[in-house]
Amino acid sequence: MFHLITGGSGSGKSEYAEQKLMEYASHSKRNKKRYYIATMMPFGKETEEKIARHRRLRAGKGFETIECYTDLKKAAEVLQTKETGSVLLECMSNLVANEMYDPSGAGENAEESILAGIHKLQKASDDLVVVTNEVFSDSMTDNPEMEKYLKLLGNINLRMGEMADLVTEVVYGIPVERKDIKHENDNRRCIPGEACVCKKAEPIHSLDGWGTM
């Protein structure tokens, strides 16, 4: 099961993601192992404070942390050597920046590398929860490099949204379900006793021209 969780800065998405991961790990015949894939590089006071905060949130919850700043396939390979369990990856926005700008990253092949890694993580876990950022909730930028980053993150979010079983946006601490394949028929306007002529929403396949949205 793949659950994608998004939201703006300070929306409460991290707490919600950990809550859902704990639920997935415990709602089974066995208490599943819990893995946390950390993507934030520890540099500077601000990032160190964020890392410390997330460690406090996870304290006492039985998470095993796997640090992975680039190349998700390596994290999947590590998981393949361990007991299968539930995996929380946080955060996709950090991973994208690392892949684009760090010397060890995939550079121009960042999107392909990240999505291949997500596929491998799905295969290596019982449950996969990925936290990302709602990139269009903030004001637009005139910085070409930032536009490139936001477009790439947006495209990856779209691809993950297509792949995911569940998509949730957290707004002011309130989870809003955007996709649930188990209940996809709830959104169809069908009338009992009549033929259904409803159509499922078609996914957006690109963010080309995203600045005009």
N, C-alpha and C. Protein backbone atom coordinates (compact mmCIF):
# COMPACT_ATOMS: atom_id res chain seq x y z
N MET A 1 0.84 -1.18 0.00
CA MET A 1 0.00 0.00 0.00
C MET A 1 0.88 1.24 0.00
N PHE A 2 0.55 2.19 -0.86
CA PHE A 2 1.33 3.42 -1.02
C PHE A 2 0.43 4.60 -0.68
N HIS A 3 0.83 5.36 0.35
CA HIS A 3 0.07 6.52 0.80
C HIS A 3 0.94 7.76 0.63
N LEU A 4 0.49 8.68 -0.21
CA LEU A 4 1.19 9.95 -0.45
C LEU A 4 0.51 11.03 0.38
N ILE A 5 1.32 11.77 1.16
CA ILE A 5 0.79 12.82 2.03
C ILE A 5 1.47 14.14 1.69
N THR A 6 0.66 15.15 1.43
CA THR A 6 1.18 16.46 1.05
C THR A 6 0.58 17.54 1.94
N GLY A 7 1.14 18.73 1.87
CA GLY A 7 0.64 19.86 2.65
C GLY A 7 1.66 20.97 2.63
N GLY A 8 1.24 22.15 2.99
CA GLY A 8 2.14 23.29 3.05
C GLY A 8 3.03 23.24 4.27
N SER A 9 3.94 24.19 4.36
CA SER A 9 4.85 24.27 5.50
C SER A 9 4.07 24.50 6.79
N GLY A 10 4.36 23.69 7.81
CA GLY A 10 3.69 23.84 9.09
C GLY A 10 2.25 23.36 9.11
N SER A 11 1.86 22.55 8.13
CA SER A 11 0.46 22.10 8.02
C SER A 11 0.12 20.97 8.97
N GLY A 12 1.15 20.30 9.51
CA GLY A 12 0.90 19.14 10.35
C GLY A 12 1.04 17.83 9.61
N LYS A 13 1.57 17.88 8.38
CA LYS A 13 1.68 16.67 7.57
C LYS A 13 2.63 15.63 8.16
N SER A 14 3.71 16.08 8.80
CA SER A 14 4.66 15.14 9.38
C SER A 14 4.03 14.33 10.50
N GLU A 15 3.33 15.01 11.40
CA GLU A 15 2.67 14.31 12.50
C GLU A 15 1.62 13.33 11.97
N TYR A 16 0.87 13.77 10.96
CA TYR A 16 -0.17 12.90 10.39
C TYR A 16 0.47 11.67 9.72
N ALA A 17 1.57 11.88 9.01
CA ALA A 17 2.24 10.77 8.34
C ALA A 17 2.73 9.73 9.35
N GLU A 18 3.31 10.20 10.44
CA GLU A 18 3.78 9.26 11.47
C GLU A 18 2.61 8.51 12.09
N GLN A 19 1.51 9.22 12.30
CA GLN A 19 0.30 8.59 12.86
C GLN A 19 -0.19 7.47 11.94
N LYS A 20 -0.27 7.75 10.64
CA LYS A 20 -0.75 6.74 9.69
C LYS A 20 0.22 5.56 9.60
N LEU A 21 1.52 5.85 9.60
CA LEU A 21 2.51 4.78 9.53
C LEU A 21 2.37 3.86 10.74
N MET A 22 2.17 4.43 11.92
CA MET A 22 1.98 3.64 13.12
C MET A 22 0.74 2.75 13.01
N GLU A 23 -0.31 3.30 12.42
CA GLU A 23 -1.54 2.52 12.23
C GLU A 23 -1.28 1.34 11.30
N TYR A 24 -0.62 1.60 10.18
CA TYR A 24 -0.36 0.54 9.22
C TYR A 24 0.51 -0.55 9.82
N ALA A 25 1.48 -0.15 10.62
CA ALA A 25 2.41 -1.12 11.21
C ALA A 25 1.74 -1.99 12.26
N SER A 26 0.74 -1.45 12.94
CA SER A 26 0.12 -2.18 14.05
C SER A 26 -1.14 -2.94 13.65
N HIS A 27 -1.78 -2.54 12.55
CA HIS A 27 -3.02 -3.19 12.13
C HIS A 27 -2.73 -4.42 11.26
N SER A 28 -2.17 -5.43 11.87
CA SER A 28 -1.88 -6.68 11.17
C SER A 28 -1.71 -7.77 12.21
N LYS A 29 -1.56 -9.01 11.74
CA LYS A 29 -1.39 -10.12 12.67
C LYS A 29 -0.08 -10.00 13.44
N ARG A 30 0.87 -9.32 12.85
CA ARG A 30 2.14 -9.11 13.54
C ARG A 30 2.41 -7.61 13.63
N ASN A 31 3.17 -7.21 14.61
CA ASN A 31 3.55 -5.80 14.75
C ASN A 31 4.72 -5.53 13.81
N LYS A 32 4.44 -4.88 12.69
CA LYS A 32 5.45 -4.72 11.65
C LYS A 32 6.61 -3.82 12.08
N LYS A 33 7.75 -4.08 11.50
CA LYS A 33 8.90 -3.19 11.68
C LYS A 33 8.58 -1.82 11.08
N ARG A 34 9.18 -0.79 11.67
CA ARG A 34 8.93 0.59 11.23
C ARG A 34 10.25 1.22 10.83
N TYR A 35 10.29 1.70 9.59
CA TYR A 35 11.51 2.30 9.06
C TYR A 35 11.23 3.75 8.66
N TYR A 36 12.21 4.60 8.94
CA TYR A 36 12.11 6.02 8.59
C TYR A 36 13.28 6.35 7.68
N ILE A 37 12.96 6.76 6.44
CA ILE A 37 13.99 7.17 5.50
C ILE A 37 14.13 8.68 5.58
N ALA A 38 15.26 9.13 6.12
CA ALA A 38 15.52 10.55 6.32
C ALA A 38 16.29 11.12 5.14
N THR A 39 15.78 12.19 4.54
CA THR A 39 16.39 12.75 3.34
C THR A 39 17.03 14.12 3.56
N MET A 40 16.86 14.70 4.74
CA MET A 40 17.39 16.05 4.98
C MET A 40 18.87 16.00 5.37
N MET A 41 19.69 16.66 4.59
CA MET A 41 21.12 16.74 4.90
C MET A 41 21.34 17.66 6.10
N PRO A 42 22.13 17.23 7.08
CA PRO A 42 22.36 18.05 8.27
C PRO A 42 23.43 19.12 8.04
N PHE A 43 22.99 20.30 7.57
CA PHE A 43 23.94 21.41 7.42
C PHE A 43 23.25 22.69 7.86
N GLY A 44 23.92 23.47 8.69
CA GLY A 44 23.35 24.72 9.16
C GLY A 44 22.43 24.53 10.36
N LYS A 45 22.26 25.57 11.12
CA LYS A 45 21.47 25.53 12.35
C LYS A 45 20.01 25.19 12.07
N GLU A 46 19.43 25.78 11.01
CA GLU A 46 18.00 25.57 10.73
C GLU A 46 17.70 24.11 10.44
N THR A 47 18.50 23.48 9.58
CA THR A 47 18.24 22.07 9.25
C THR A 47 18.51 21.17 10.45
N GLU A 48 19.52 21.50 11.23
CA GLU A 48 19.81 20.69 12.42
C GLU A 48 18.66 20.76 13.41
N GLU A 49 18.02 21.93 13.54
CA GLU A 49 16.88 22.07 14.44
C GLU A 49 15.68 21.26 13.92
N LYS A 50 15.48 21.26 12.59
CA LYS A 50 14.38 20.48 12.01
C LYS A 50 14.61 18.99 12.22
N ILE A 51 15.84 18.54 12.02
CA ILE A 51 16.15 17.13 12.22
C ILE A 51 15.91 16.74 13.68
N ALA A 52 16.34 17.60 14.60
CA ALA A 52 16.14 17.32 16.03
C ALA A 52 14.66 17.24 16.37
N ARG A 53 13.86 18.13 15.76
CA ARG A 53 12.42 18.11 16.01
C ARG A 53 11.80 16.80 15.54
N HIS A 54 12.16 16.35 14.35
CA HIS A 54 11.59 15.11 13.82
C HIS A 54 12.05 13.90 14.64
N ARG A 55 13.26 13.95 15.15
CA ARG A 55 13.72 12.86 16.02
C ARG A 55 12.90 12.81 17.30
N ARG A 56 12.55 13.99 17.84
CA ARG A 56 11.71 14.01 19.04
C ARG A 56 10.33 13.44 18.75
N LEU A 57 9.79 13.75 17.56
CA LEU A 57 8.48 13.22 17.18
C LEU A 57 8.49 11.69 17.10
N ARG A 58 9.61 11.14 16.62
CA ARG A 58 9.71 9.68 16.44
C ARG A 58 10.14 8.94 17.70
N ALA A 59 10.59 9.66 18.68
CA ALA A 59 11.15 9.03 19.88
C ALA A 59 10.15 8.07 20.52
N GLY A 60 10.62 6.87 20.85
CA GLY A 60 9.79 5.89 21.53
C GLY A 60 8.78 5.18 20.67
N LYS A 61 8.82 5.39 19.35
CA LYS A 61 7.83 4.78 18.45
C LYS A 61 8.38 3.58 17.69
N GLY A 62 9.63 3.22 17.97
CA GLY A 62 10.18 2.00 17.38
C GLY A 62 10.68 2.14 15.96
N PHE A 63 10.98 3.36 15.52
CA PHE A 63 11.48 3.55 14.16
C PHE A 63 12.96 3.21 14.06
N GLU A 64 13.32 2.56 12.98
CA GLU A 64 14.73 2.41 12.61
C GLU A 64 15.01 3.40 11.48
N THR A 65 15.96 4.29 11.68
CA THR A 65 16.23 5.35 10.70
C THR A 65 17.26 4.90 9.67
N ILE A 66 16.94 5.17 8.41
CA ILE A 66 17.85 4.93 7.30
C ILE A 66 18.09 6.27 6.62
N GLU A 67 19.30 6.78 6.68
CA GLU A 67 19.61 8.06 6.06
C GLU A 67 19.87 7.85 4.57
N CYS A 68 19.17 8.62 3.75
CA CYS A 68 19.30 8.49 2.30
C CYS A 68 19.12 9.88 1.68
N TYR A 69 20.21 10.52 1.34
CA TYR A 69 20.16 11.88 0.82
C TYR A 69 20.02 11.90 -0.71
N THR A 70 20.51 10.88 -1.37
CA THR A 70 20.35 10.71 -2.82
C THR A 70 20.25 9.21 -3.11
N ASP A 71 19.73 8.89 -4.29
CA ASP A 71 19.66 7.50 -4.78
C ASP A 71 18.81 6.61 -3.88
N LEU A 72 17.49 6.73 -4.01
CA LEU A 72 16.56 5.93 -3.21
C LEU A 72 16.75 4.43 -3.40
N LYS A 73 17.28 4.04 -4.54
CA LYS A 73 17.46 2.61 -4.78
C LYS A 73 18.36 1.98 -3.72
N LYS A 74 19.30 2.77 -3.20
CA LYS A 74 20.19 2.26 -2.16
C LYS A 74 19.41 1.99 -0.87
N ALA A 75 18.47 2.87 -0.55
CA ALA A 75 17.64 2.66 0.63
C ALA A 75 16.80 1.39 0.47
N ALA A 76 16.29 1.18 -0.75
CA ALA A 76 15.51 -0.03 -1.02
C ALA A 76 16.38 -1.28 -0.87
N GLU A 77 17.62 -1.19 -1.31
CA GLU A 77 18.53 -2.32 -1.16
C GLU A 77 18.80 -2.63 0.31
N VAL A 78 18.91 -1.59 1.14
CA VAL A 78 19.09 -1.80 2.57
C VAL A 78 17.86 -2.49 3.16
N LEU A 79 16.67 -2.04 2.76
CA LEU A 79 15.44 -2.63 3.27
C LEU A 79 15.31 -4.09 2.88
N GLN A 80 15.81 -4.45 1.73
CA GLN A 80 15.72 -5.84 1.27
C GLN A 80 16.52 -6.79 2.15
N THR A 81 17.46 -6.26 2.92
CA THR A 81 18.26 -7.09 3.82
C THR A 81 17.63 -7.19 5.21
N LYS A 82 16.50 -6.50 5.42
CA LYS A 82 15.86 -6.46 6.74
C LYS A 82 14.48 -7.09 6.69
N GLU A 83 13.89 -7.24 7.87
CA GLU A 83 12.52 -7.75 7.97
C GLU A 83 11.57 -6.77 7.29
N THR A 84 10.67 -7.30 6.46
CA THR A 84 9.73 -6.44 5.74
C THR A 84 8.81 -5.72 6.72
N GLY A 85 8.56 -4.44 6.46
CA GLY A 85 7.72 -3.67 7.37
C GLY A 85 7.12 -2.46 6.70
N SER A 86 6.80 -1.45 7.50
CA SER A 86 6.19 -0.21 7.03
C SER A 86 7.26 0.88 6.96
N VAL A 87 7.23 1.66 5.86
CA VAL A 87 8.31 2.62 5.58
C VAL A 87 7.72 4.02 5.44
N LEU A 88 8.35 4.96 6.14
CA LEU A 88 8.00 6.38 6.01
C LEU A 88 9.18 7.13 5.43
N LEU A 89 8.97 7.80 4.29
CA LEU A 89 10.00 8.61 3.65
C LEU A 89 9.64 10.07 3.84
N GLU A 90 10.60 10.83 4.41
CA GLU A 90 10.36 12.26 4.63
C GLU A 90 11.66 13.04 4.43
N CYS A 91 11.69 14.02 3.55
CA CYS A 91 10.58 14.52 2.77
C CYS A 91 11.02 14.55 1.30
N MET A 92 10.08 14.39 0.38
CA MET A 92 10.42 14.37 -1.04
C MET A 92 11.03 15.69 -1.49
N SER A 93 10.63 16.82 -0.92
CA SER A 93 11.18 18.11 -1.34
C SER A 93 12.68 18.18 -1.07
N ASN A 94 13.13 17.62 0.05
CA ASN A 94 14.57 17.58 0.34
C ASN A 94 15.30 16.67 -0.64
N LEU A 95 14.71 15.51 -0.91
CA LEU A 95 15.35 14.56 -1.81
C LEU A 95 15.53 15.14 -3.20
N VAL A 96 14.51 15.85 -3.69
CA VAL A 96 14.59 16.45 -5.02
C VAL A 96 15.74 17.47 -5.07
N ALA A 97 15.83 18.31 -4.05
CA ALA A 97 16.90 19.31 -4.01
C ALA A 97 18.27 18.62 -3.96
N ASN A 98 18.38 17.58 -3.18
CA ASN A 98 19.66 16.85 -3.11
C ASN A 98 20.05 16.26 -4.45
N GLU A 99 19.08 15.65 -5.11
CA GLU A 99 19.36 15.01 -6.41
C GLU A 99 19.75 16.04 -7.46
N MET A 100 19.16 17.23 -7.38
CA MET A 100 19.44 18.27 -8.37
C MET A 100 20.79 18.94 -8.14
N TYR A 101 21.13 19.22 -6.87
CA TYR A 101 22.25 20.13 -6.61
C TYR A 101 23.44 19.50 -5.90
N ASP A 102 23.26 18.38 -5.22
CA ASP A 102 24.41 17.78 -4.55
C ASP A 102 25.28 17.03 -5.57
N PRO A 103 26.60 17.05 -5.42
CA PRO A 103 27.47 16.35 -6.37
C PRO A 103 27.17 14.86 -6.50
N SER A 104 26.62 14.26 -5.43
CA SER A 104 26.30 12.83 -5.48
C SER A 104 24.94 12.56 -6.11
N GLY A 105 24.20 13.63 -6.46
CA GLY A 105 22.85 13.47 -6.99
C GLY A 105 22.80 13.10 -8.45
N ALA A 106 21.59 12.85 -8.94
CA ALA A 106 21.38 12.42 -10.32
C ALA A 106 21.33 13.57 -11.31
N GLY A 107 21.28 14.80 -10.83
CA GLY A 107 21.28 15.95 -11.73
C GLY A 107 20.09 15.98 -12.65
N GLU A 108 20.37 16.01 -13.95
CA GLU A 108 19.31 16.08 -14.96
C GLU A 108 18.45 14.82 -14.98
N ASN A 109 18.93 13.75 -14.40
CA ASN A 109 18.17 12.49 -14.36
C ASN A 109 17.45 12.29 -13.03
N ALA A 110 17.26 13.38 -12.29
CA ALA A 110 16.69 13.29 -10.95
C ALA A 110 15.31 12.66 -10.95
N GLU A 111 14.43 13.08 -11.85
CA GLU A 111 13.06 12.56 -11.85
C GLU A 111 13.05 11.05 -12.09
N GLU A 112 13.78 10.61 -13.09
CA GLU A 112 13.84 9.18 -13.41
C GLU A 112 14.40 8.38 -12.24
N SER A 113 15.47 8.90 -11.61
CA SER A 113 16.11 8.20 -10.50
C SER A 113 15.17 8.10 -9.30
N ILE A 114 14.49 9.19 -8.97
CA ILE A 114 13.60 9.19 -7.81
C ILE A 114 12.42 8.25 -8.01
N LEU A 115 11.78 8.31 -9.16
CA LEU A 115 10.62 7.45 -9.40
C LEU A 115 11.01 5.97 -9.45
N ALA A 116 12.18 5.67 -9.99
CA ALA A 116 12.66 4.29 -9.96
C ALA A 116 12.87 3.84 -8.52
N GLY A 117 13.38 4.75 -7.68
CA GLY A 117 13.57 4.43 -6.28
C GLY A 117 12.25 4.19 -5.55
N ILE A 118 11.22 4.98 -5.88
CA ILE A 118 9.91 4.79 -5.27
C ILE A 118 9.36 3.41 -5.63
N HIS A 119 9.50 3.01 -6.89
CA HIS A 119 9.05 1.68 -7.31
C HIS A 119 9.73 0.60 -6.49
N LYS A 120 11.03 0.73 -6.29
CA LYS A 120 11.78 -0.27 -5.53
C LYS A 120 11.37 -0.28 -4.05
N LEU A 121 11.10 0.91 -3.50
CA LEU A 121 10.64 0.97 -2.11
C LEU A 121 9.29 0.29 -1.94
N GLN A 122 8.41 0.43 -2.92
CA GLN A 122 7.13 -0.24 -2.87
C GLN A 122 7.30 -1.76 -2.78
N LYS A 123 8.22 -2.26 -3.57
CA LYS A 123 8.46 -3.70 -3.59
C LYS A 123 9.13 -4.20 -2.31
N ALA A 124 9.88 -3.31 -1.66
CA ALA A 124 10.66 -3.71 -0.48
C ALA A 124 9.90 -3.48 0.83
N SER A 125 8.64 -3.04 0.78
CA SER A 125 7.89 -2.71 2.00
C SER A 125 6.46 -3.23 1.91
N ASP A 126 5.86 -3.42 3.07
CA ASP A 126 4.43 -3.76 3.13
C ASP A 126 3.60 -2.50 2.92
N ASP A 127 4.03 -1.41 3.53
CA ASP A 127 3.33 -0.13 3.43
C ASP A 127 4.38 0.95 3.20
N LEU A 128 4.08 1.87 2.29
CA LEU A 128 4.99 2.99 2.02
C LEU A 128 4.23 4.29 2.17
N VAL A 129 4.73 5.16 3.06
CA VAL A 129 4.16 6.50 3.25
C VAL A 129 5.22 7.51 2.84
N VAL A 130 4.88 8.39 1.91
CA VAL A 130 5.81 9.41 1.44
C VAL A 130 5.24 10.79 1.75
N VAL A 131 6.05 11.63 2.37
CA VAL A 131 5.65 13.02 2.66
C VAL A 131 6.27 13.93 1.62
N THR A 132 5.45 14.81 1.05
CA THR A 132 5.95 15.80 0.10
C THR A 132 5.36 17.15 0.44
N ASN A 133 5.66 18.17 -0.36
CA ASN A 133 5.19 19.53 -0.10
C ASN A 133 4.22 19.98 -1.18
N GLU A 134 3.24 20.77 -0.76
CA GLU A 134 2.28 21.38 -1.69
C GLU A 134 2.95 22.60 -2.30
N VAL A 135 3.61 22.39 -3.45
CA VAL A 135 4.50 23.43 -3.99
C VAL A 135 3.78 24.64 -4.53
N PHE A 136 2.49 24.55 -4.85
CA PHE A 136 1.79 25.68 -5.43
C PHE A 136 1.05 26.52 -4.40
N SER A 137 1.21 26.21 -3.12
CA SER A 137 0.51 26.98 -2.10
C SER A 137 1.24 28.28 -1.75
N ASP A 138 2.49 28.39 -2.16
CA ASP A 138 3.26 29.60 -1.90
C ASP A 138 3.25 30.51 -3.12
N SER A 139 3.74 31.72 -2.97
CA SER A 139 3.78 32.67 -4.07
C SER A 139 4.77 32.22 -5.13
N MET A 140 4.57 32.67 -6.37
CA MET A 140 5.44 32.30 -7.48
C MET A 140 6.78 33.02 -7.34
N THR A 141 7.77 32.53 -8.06
CA THR A 141 9.11 33.08 -7.98
C THR A 141 9.60 33.49 -9.36
N ASP A 142 10.47 34.49 -9.39
CA ASP A 142 11.08 34.91 -10.65
C ASP A 142 12.47 34.31 -10.81
N ASN A 143 12.86 33.45 -9.88
CA ASN A 143 14.17 32.80 -9.92
C ASN A 143 14.10 31.58 -10.83
N PRO A 144 14.79 31.59 -11.98
CA PRO A 144 14.72 30.47 -12.93
C PRO A 144 15.12 29.12 -12.30
N GLU A 145 16.13 29.14 -11.43
CA GLU A 145 16.57 27.89 -10.81
C GLU A 145 15.50 27.36 -9.86
N MET A 146 14.85 28.25 -9.13
CA MET A 146 13.78 27.83 -8.24
C MET A 146 12.58 27.32 -9.04
N GLU A 147 12.28 27.96 -10.16
CA GLU A 147 11.20 27.49 -11.02
C GLU A 147 11.49 26.07 -11.52
N LYS A 148 12.74 25.82 -11.88
CA LYS A 148 13.13 24.49 -12.34
C LYS A 148 12.91 23.45 -11.24
N TYR A 149 13.31 23.81 -10.02
CA TYR A 149 13.13 22.90 -8.89
C TYR A 149 11.65 22.63 -8.61
N LEU A 150 10.84 23.70 -8.58
CA LEU A 150 9.42 23.54 -8.29
C LEU A 150 8.71 22.72 -9.36
N LYS A 151 9.10 22.93 -10.61
CA LYS A 151 8.49 22.16 -11.69
C LYS A 151 8.83 20.69 -11.56
N LEU A 152 10.09 20.38 -11.21
CA LEU A 152 10.49 18.99 -11.06
C LEU A 152 9.76 18.34 -9.89
N LEU A 153 9.70 19.03 -8.76
CA LEU A 153 8.99 18.48 -7.60
C LEU A 153 7.51 18.29 -7.93
N GLY A 154 6.92 19.25 -8.63
CA GLY A 154 5.52 19.12 -9.02
C GLY A 154 5.28 17.92 -9.92
N ASN A 155 6.18 17.69 -10.89
CA ASN A 155 6.03 16.53 -11.78
C ASN A 155 6.14 15.23 -11.00
N ILE A 156 7.09 15.17 -10.08
CA ILE A 156 7.25 13.95 -9.27
C ILE A 156 6.02 13.73 -8.40
N ASN A 157 5.47 14.81 -7.85
CA ASN A 157 4.24 14.68 -7.07
C ASN A 157 3.10 14.12 -7.92
N LEU A 158 3.00 14.58 -9.17
CA LEU A 158 1.96 14.07 -10.07
C LEU A 158 2.14 12.58 -10.32
N ARG A 159 3.37 12.17 -10.60
CA ARG A 159 3.63 10.76 -10.87
C ARG A 159 3.33 9.90 -9.64
N MET A 160 3.74 10.39 -8.48
CA MET A 160 3.46 9.63 -7.25
C MET A 160 1.96 9.57 -6.99
N GLY A 161 1.25 10.66 -7.29
CA GLY A 161 -0.19 10.67 -7.11
C GLY A 161 -0.87 9.61 -7.96
N GLU A 162 -0.35 9.39 -9.16
CA GLU A 162 -0.89 8.34 -10.03
C GLU A 162 -0.60 6.95 -9.46
N MET A 163 0.58 6.79 -8.88
CA MET A 163 1.01 5.50 -8.36
C MET A 163 0.33 5.15 -7.04
N ALA A 164 -0.02 6.15 -6.24
CA ALA A 164 -0.46 5.93 -4.86
C ALA A 164 -1.87 5.34 -4.77
N ASP A 165 -2.07 4.57 -3.70
CA ASP A 165 -3.41 4.05 -3.38
C ASP A 165 -4.22 5.12 -2.65
N LEU A 166 -3.53 5.92 -1.85
CA LEU A 166 -4.16 6.99 -1.10
C LEU A 166 -3.36 8.27 -1.28
N VAL A 167 -4.06 9.39 -1.44
CA VAL A 167 -3.41 10.71 -1.46
C VAL A 167 -4.17 11.59 -0.47
N THR A 168 -3.43 12.16 0.48
CA THR A 168 -4.04 13.02 1.50
C THR A 168 -3.32 14.36 1.54
N GLU A 169 -4.08 15.44 1.55
CA GLU A 169 -3.53 16.77 1.76
C GLU A 169 -3.88 17.21 3.18
N VAL A 170 -2.89 17.63 3.94
CA VAL A 170 -3.13 18.10 5.30
C VAL A 170 -3.21 19.63 5.28
N VAL A 171 -4.34 20.17 5.72
CA VAL A 171 -4.58 21.62 5.71
C VAL A 171 -4.88 22.06 7.14
N TYR A 172 -4.01 22.89 7.71
CA TYR A 172 -4.21 23.36 9.09
C TYR A 172 -4.42 22.19 10.06
N GLY A 173 -3.68 21.12 9.85
CA GLY A 173 -3.78 19.96 10.72
C GLY A 173 -4.94 19.03 10.41
N ILE A 174 -5.73 19.37 9.38
CA ILE A 174 -6.90 18.56 9.03
C ILE A 174 -6.59 17.75 7.77
N PRO A 175 -6.64 16.41 7.83
CA PRO A 175 -6.38 15.60 6.63
C PRO A 175 -7.57 15.61 5.68
N VAL A 176 -7.31 15.92 4.41
CA VAL A 176 -8.34 15.95 3.38
C VAL A 176 -7.98 14.89 2.34
N GLU A 177 -8.84 13.89 2.18
CA GLU A 177 -8.55 12.81 1.24
C GLU A 177 -8.73 13.30 -0.19
N ARG A 178 -7.69 13.12 -1.00
CA ARG A 178 -7.74 13.52 -2.41
C ARG A 178 -7.88 12.32 -3.34
N LYS A 179 -7.49 11.14 -2.85
CA LYS A 179 -7.61 9.93 -3.65
C LYS A 179 -7.66 8.74 -2.72
N ASP A 180 -8.58 7.83 -2.99
CA ASP A 180 -8.68 6.58 -2.24
C ASP A 180 -9.24 5.54 -3.19
N ILE A 181 -8.39 4.66 -3.70
CA ILE A 181 -8.84 3.72 -4.74
C ILE A 181 -9.88 2.74 -4.21
N LYS A 182 -9.93 2.54 -2.87
CA LYS A 182 -10.93 1.64 -2.31
C LYS A 182 -12.32 2.25 -2.36
N HIS A 183 -12.40 3.57 -2.46
CA HIS A 183 -13.69 4.25 -2.47
C HIS A 183 -13.83 5.16 -3.69
N GLU A 184 -13.17 4.79 -4.78
CA GLU A 184 -13.19 5.67 -5.95
C GLU A 184 -14.58 5.79 -6.55
N ASN A 185 -15.44 4.81 -6.32
CA ASN A 185 -16.79 4.88 -6.88
C ASN A 185 -17.68 5.88 -6.14
N ASP A 186 -17.24 6.33 -4.96
CA ASP A 186 -18.05 7.28 -4.20
C ASP A 186 -18.22 8.60 -4.93
N ASN A 187 -17.25 8.92 -5.80
CA ASN A 187 -17.29 10.21 -6.50
C ASN A 187 -18.01 10.14 -7.84
N ARG A 188 -18.59 8.99 -8.16
CA ARG A 188 -19.30 8.86 -9.43
C ARG A 188 -20.77 9.23 -9.23
N ARG A 189 -21.32 9.92 -10.21
CA ARG A 189 -22.69 10.41 -10.10
C ARG A 189 -23.64 9.39 -10.73
N CYS A 190 -23.71 8.20 -10.14
CA CYS A 190 -24.53 7.14 -10.69
C CYS A 190 -25.92 7.12 -10.05
N ILE A 191 -26.94 6.83 -10.85
CA ILE A 191 -28.31 6.75 -10.38
C ILE A 191 -28.72 5.28 -10.33
N PRO A 192 -29.18 4.78 -9.17
CA PRO A 192 -29.59 3.38 -9.08
C PRO A 192 -30.60 3.01 -10.14
N GLY A 193 -30.38 1.86 -10.79
CA GLY A 193 -31.30 1.39 -11.81
C GLY A 193 -31.02 1.93 -13.19
N GLU A 194 -30.05 2.86 -13.33
CA GLU A 194 -29.72 3.42 -14.63
C GLU A 194 -28.26 3.12 -14.97
N ALA A 195 -27.96 3.15 -16.25
CA ALA A 195 -26.59 2.90 -16.69
C ALA A 195 -25.69 4.02 -16.22
N CYS A 196 -24.49 3.65 -15.78
CA CYS A 196 -23.53 4.65 -15.31
C CYS A 196 -22.78 5.24 -16.49
N VAL A 197 -22.82 6.55 -16.62
CA VAL A 197 -22.12 7.21 -17.71
C VAL A 197 -21.01 8.11 -17.18
N CYS A 198 -20.68 7.94 -15.91
CA CYS A 198 -19.67 8.79 -15.30
C CYS A 198 -18.29 8.41 -15.77
N LYS A 199 -17.38 9.37 -15.73
CA LYS A 199 -16.00 9.15 -16.10
C LYS A 199 -15.10 9.51 -14.93
N LYS A 200 -14.08 8.70 -14.74
CA LYS A 200 -13.09 9.01 -13.72
C LYS A 200 -12.23 10.16 -14.21
N ALA A 201 -11.73 10.97 -13.28
CA ALA A 201 -10.89 12.10 -13.65
C ALA A 201 -9.61 11.63 -14.31
N GLU A 202 -9.21 12.28 -15.38
CA GLU A 202 -7.98 11.94 -16.07
C GLU A 202 -6.81 12.64 -15.39
N PRO A 203 -5.69 11.92 -15.18
CA PRO A 203 -4.53 12.55 -14.53
C PRO A 203 -3.87 13.58 -15.43
N ILE A 204 -3.26 14.60 -14.80
CA ILE A 204 -2.45 15.56 -15.53
C ILE A 204 -1.11 14.91 -15.79
N HIS A 205 -0.60 14.97 -16.99
CA HIS A 205 0.61 14.24 -17.34
C HIS A 205 1.86 15.08 -17.36
N SER A 206 1.74 16.39 -17.17
CA SER A 206 2.93 17.23 -17.20
C SER A 206 2.64 18.55 -16.52
N LEU A 207 3.69 19.18 -16.05
CA LEU A 207 3.56 20.53 -15.52
C LEU A 207 4.18 21.55 -16.44
N ASP A 208 4.29 21.23 -17.75
CA ASP A 208 4.80 22.19 -18.70
C ASP A 208 3.86 23.40 -18.69
N GLY A 209 4.45 24.58 -18.60
CA GLY A 209 3.63 25.77 -18.53
C GLY A 209 2.97 25.96 -17.18
N TRP A 210 3.54 25.31 -16.14
CA TRP A 210 2.91 25.32 -14.83
C TRP A 210 2.78 26.72 -14.24
N GLY A 211 3.61 27.67 -14.68
CA GLY A 211 3.55 29.01 -14.12
C GLY A 211 2.27 29.75 -14.45
N THR A 212 1.49 29.23 -15.41
CA THR A 212 0.24 29.89 -15.79
C THR A 212 -0.96 29.28 -15.09
N MET A 213 -0.74 28.27 -14.25
CA MET A 213 -1.86 27.60 -13.60
C MET A 213 -2.49 28.50 -12.55
